[in-house]
């Protein structure tokens, strides 16, 4: 992914609310399944890491992106933005520059 594409996705992510919160339970298999299910409907995902979570937001973002085969767009503070394009070209809602 190029820096121009990342910048485009960051701009889109500014307008969406976090779909998930990660708390003290951290990353569970159920959480990963929920993220995968979300990616079946949407290509862009924002996750908020709560204060009671002991793990680092960047580490969590890297782990989630590996488990879901998605791209880590950015981590700012306690917010993680991930992108996973739809499998079919005709189903893609986001057209990257």
Protein backbone atom coordinates (compact mmCIF):
# COMPACT_ATOMS: atom_id res chain seq x y z
CA UNK A 1 0.00 0.00 0.00
CA UNK A 2 1.39 3.38 -0.99
CA UNK A 3 1.55 6.44 1.23
CA UNK A 4 -1.01 8.16 -1.00
CA UNK A 5 -3.46 5.29 -0.51
CA UNK A 6 -2.86 5.36 3.26
CA UNK A 7 -3.51 9.09 3.36
CA UNK A 8 -6.76 8.58 1.42
CA UNK A 9 -7.91 5.87 3.86
CA UNK A 10 -6.95 8.02 6.87
CA UNK A 11 -9.16 10.76 5.48
CA UNK A 12 -12.08 8.36 5.14
CA UNK A 13 -11.51 6.98 8.63
CA UNK A 14 -11.86 10.42 10.21
CA UNK A 15 -15.59 10.32 9.54
CA UNK A 16 -16.37 6.89 10.99
CA UNK A 17 -16.95 5.91 14.59
CA UNK A 18 -15.09 3.01 16.23
CA UNK A 19 -16.93 -0.24 15.57
CA UNK A 20 -15.21 -2.15 18.38
CA UNK A 21 -13.64 -1.48 21.76
CA UNK A 22 -10.83 -3.55 23.23
CA UNK A 23 -10.84 -3.70 27.01
CA UNK A 24 -9.07 -5.63 29.73
CA UNK A 25 -9.91 -9.00 28.16
CA UNK A 26 -7.65 -8.08 25.23
CA UNK A 27 -7.66 -9.99 21.98
CA UNK A 28 -9.81 -13.09 22.09
CA UNK A 29 -10.68 -15.49 19.26
CA UNK A 30 -14.26 -14.21 19.47
CA UNK A 31 -13.06 -10.65 18.91
CA UNK A 32 -11.10 -11.74 15.84
CA UNK A 33 -14.19 -13.51 14.47
CA UNK A 34 -16.26 -10.36 15.02
CA UNK A 35 -13.69 -8.28 13.14
CA UNK A 36 -13.70 -10.76 10.24
CA UNK A 37 -17.49 -10.60 10.15
CA UNK A 38 -17.34 -6.80 10.07
CA UNK A 39 -14.93 -6.96 7.12
CA UNK A 40 -17.47 -9.03 5.18
CA UNK A 41 -19.73 -5.93 5.17
CA UNK A 42 -17.30 -3.00 5.36
CA UNK A 43 -13.79 -2.49 4.10
CA UNK A 44 -12.64 0.13 6.61
CA UNK A 45 -12.67 -0.44 10.37
CA UNK A 46 -11.83 1.73 13.35
CA UNK A 47 -11.12 0.14 16.74
CA UNK A 48 -10.77 1.95 20.05
CA UNK A 49 -8.44 0.61 22.76
CA UNK A 50 -9.85 1.39 26.19
CA UNK A 51 -7.75 2.71 29.06
CA UNK A 52 -8.11 -0.50 31.06
CA UNK A 53 -6.36 -2.50 28.31
CA UNK A 54 -2.75 -3.24 29.29
CA UNK A 55 -1.50 -3.94 25.75
CA UNK A 56 0.02 -1.36 23.39
CA UNK A 57 -2.32 -0.14 20.64
CA UNK A 58 0.31 -0.59 17.90
CA UNK A 59 0.96 -4.19 18.96
CA UNK A 60 -2.77 -4.90 19.01
CA UNK A 61 -3.14 -3.36 15.54
CA UNK A 62 -0.33 -5.50 14.16
CA UNK A 63 -1.76 -8.68 15.68
CA UNK A 64 -5.28 -8.00 14.40
CA UNK A 65 -4.02 -7.20 10.91
CA UNK A 66 -2.05 -10.46 10.83
CA UNK A 67 -4.98 -12.54 12.06
CA UNK A 68 -7.49 -10.97 9.66
CA UNK A 69 -5.10 -10.53 6.70
CA UNK A 70 -5.87 -6.81 6.58
CA UNK A 71 -3.76 -3.67 6.24
CA UNK A 72 -2.92 -1.55 9.27
CA UNK A 73 -3.61 1.99 8.04
CA UNK A 74 -2.76 3.93 11.18
CA UNK A 75 -2.56 3.94 14.94
CA UNK A 76 -3.11 7.29 16.65
CA UNK A 77 -3.15 7.17 20.41
CA UNK A 78 -5.71 4.51 21.28
CA UNK A 79 -7.40 4.36 17.85
CA UNK A 80 -6.58 1.69 15.26
CA UNK A 81 -7.67 1.88 11.61
CA UNK A 82 -7.65 -1.26 9.45
CA UNK A 83 -8.48 -1.79 5.77
CA UNK A 84 -9.36 -5.02 4.01
CA UNK A 85 -10.63 -4.82 0.43
CA UNK A 86 -13.56 -6.95 -0.65
CA UNK A 87 -12.59 -10.16 -2.43
CA UNK A 88 -14.58 -9.35 -5.57
CA UNK A 89 -13.70 -6.19 -7.48
CA UNK A 90 -17.39 -5.46 -8.10
CA UNK A 91 -18.10 -5.53 -4.35
CA UNK A 92 -15.44 -2.96 -3.45
CA UNK A 93 -16.91 0.25 -2.10
CA UNK A 94 -13.61 2.08 -1.62
CA UNK A 95 -11.63 2.86 -4.76
CA UNK A 96 -8.00 3.51 -3.85
CA UNK A 97 -6.13 6.19 -5.83
